[in-house]
C-alpha atoms as a PDB file:
ATOM      1  CA  MET A   1       0.000   0.000   0.000  1.00  0.00           C
ATOM      2  CA  MET A   2       1.341   3.437  -0.893  1.00  0.00           C
ATOM      3  CA  LYS A   3       2.109   5.880   1.873  1.00  0.00           C
ATOM      4  CA  ALA A   4       0.924   9.463   1.600  1.00  0.00           C
ATOM      5  CA  LEU A   5       3.579  11.846   0.325  1.00  0.00           C
ATOM      6  CA  ASN A   6       5.058  14.459   2.601  1.00  0.00           C
ATOM      7  CA  PRO A   7       3.079  17.715   2.179  1.00  0.00           C
ATOM      8  CA  PHE A   8       6.245  19.867   2.234  1.00  0.00           C
ATOM      9  CA  PHE A   9       7.751  17.758  -0.534  1.00  0.00           C
ATOM     10  CA  VAL A  10       4.590  17.977  -2.649  1.00  0.00           C
ATOM     11  CA  LEU A  11       4.254  21.742  -2.090  1.00  0.00           C
ATOM     12  CA  GLY A  12       7.906  22.323  -2.939  1.00  0.00           C
ATOM     13  CA  THR A  13       7.811  20.193  -6.072  1.00  0.00           C
ATOM     14  CA  VAL A  14       4.584  21.684  -7.412  1.00  0.00           C
ATOM     15  CA  GLY A  15       5.742  25.187  -6.499  1.00  0.00           C
ATOM     16  CA  VAL A  16       9.074  24.860  -8.313  1.00  0.00           C
ATOM     17  CA  VAL A  17       7.412  23.406 -11.412  1.00  0.00           C
ATOM     18  CA  ILE A  18       4.730  26.113 -11.552  1.00  0.00           C
ATOM     19  CA  THR A  19       7.294  28.847 -10.889  1.00  0.00           C
ATOM     20  CA  ALA A  20       9.504  27.544 -13.697  1.00  0.00           C
ATOM     21  CA  ILE A  21       6.568  27.453 -16.116  1.00  0.00           C
ATOM     22  CA  LEU A  22       5.518  30.945 -15.065  1.00  0.00           C
ATOM     23  CA  HIS A  23       9.086  32.170 -15.525  1.00  0.00           C
ATOM     24  CA  VAL A  24       9.262  30.754 -19.057  1.00  0.00           C
ATOM     25  CA  VAL A  25       5.914  32.312 -19.961  1.00  0.00           C
ATOM     26  CA  VAL A  26       6.916  35.707 -18.600  1.00  0.00           C
ATOM     27  CA  ALA A  27      10.339  35.592 -20.245  1.00  0.00           C
ATOM     28  CA  LEU A  28       9.401  34.304 -23.676  1.00  0.00           C
ATOM     29  CA  VAL A  29       5.757  35.128 -24.265  1.00  0.00           C
ATOM     30  CA  LEU A  30       5.193  38.361 -22.385  1.00  0.00           C
ATOM     31  CA  SER A  31       8.767  39.728 -22.548  1.00  0.00           C
ATOM     32  CA  ILE A  32       8.542  41.579 -19.230  1.00  0.00           C
ATOM     33  CA  PRO A  33      12.148  41.997 -18.007  1.00  0.00           C
ATOM     34  CA  THR A  34      11.226  43.535 -14.642  1.00  0.00           C
ATOM     35  CA  ALA A  35       9.182  40.481 -13.657  1.00  0.00           C
ATOM     36  CA  HIS A  36      12.328  38.325 -13.361  1.00  0.00           C
ATOM     37  CA  LYS A  37      13.237  39.842 -10.005  1.00  0.00           C
ATOM     38  CA  SER A  38       9.897  38.959  -8.443  1.00  0.00           C
ATOM     39  CA  ILE A  39       9.962  35.447  -9.886  1.00  0.00           C
ATOM     40  CA  PHE A  40      13.496  34.793  -8.607  1.00  0.00           C
ATOM     41  CA  VAL A  41      12.191  35.374  -5.068  1.00  0.00           C
ATOM     42  CA  LEU A  42       9.819  32.414  -5.430  1.00  0.00           C
ATOM     43  CA  TYR A  43      12.518  29.845  -6.251  1.00  0.00           C
ATOM     44  CA  PRO A  44      14.245  29.816  -2.821  1.00  0.00           C
ATOM     45  CA  VAL A  45      10.886  29.693  -1.049  1.00  0.00           C
ATOM     46  CA  PHE A  46       9.740  26.558  -2.832  1.00  0.00           C
ATOM     47  CA  ILE A  47      13.194  24.971  -2.828  1.00  0.00           C
ATOM     48  CA  SER A  48      13.265  25.355   0.958  1.00  0.00           C
ATOM     49  CA  PHE A  49       9.890  23.556   1.197  1.00  0.00           C
ATOM     50  CA  LEU A  50      11.297  20.851  -1.063  1.00  0.00           C
ATOM     51  CA  ALA A  51      14.418  20.492   1.096  1.00  0.00           C
ATOM     52  CA  ILE A  52      12.392  20.312   4.325  1.00  0.00           C
ATOM     53  CA  GLY A  53      10.157  17.628   2.835  1.00  0.00           C
ATOM     54  CA  ALA A  54      13.098  15.631   1.497  1.00  0.00           C
ATOM     55  CA  GLY A  55      14.802  15.845   4.893  1.00  0.00           C
ATOM     56  CA  GLN A  56      11.692  14.573   6.642  1.00  0.00           C
ATOM     57  CA  ILE A  57      11.362  11.702   4.166  1.00  0.00           C
ATOM     58  CA  ILE A  58      15.018  10.718   4.645  1.00  0.00           C
ATOM     59  CA  LYS A  59      14.706  11.011   8.416  1.00  0.00           C
ATOM     60  CA  GLY A  60      11.584   8.848   8.365  1.00  0.00           C
ATOM     61  CA  SER A  61      13.174   6.197   6.171  1.00  0.00           C
ATOM     62  CA  LYS A  62      16.221   6.006   8.441  1.00  0.00           C
ATOM     63  CA  ALA A  63      13.992   5.554  11.483  1.00  0.00           C
ATOM     64  CA  VAL A  64      12.121   2.711   9.785  1.00  0.00           C
ATOM     65  CA  SER A  65      15.299   0.950   8.634  1.00  0.00           C
ATOM     66  CA  GLU A  66      16.898   1.172  12.096  1.00  0.00           C
ATOM     67  CA  SER A  67      13.968  -0.431  13.905  1.00  0.00           C
END
């Protein structure tokens, strides 16, 4: 049976993917150069969620393998 995914990991992954798509759309389609600064702020936010979720998954898997 599949375990539920860590919510931080899911939020981080979805956030990075959506931010990357938004960045491509703004850069190529809309050609708004000033929007890059505001989009670059979103990357570290979602990458931190992704790192927290990955750390919790690794910590959980180590606890299961040790017991």
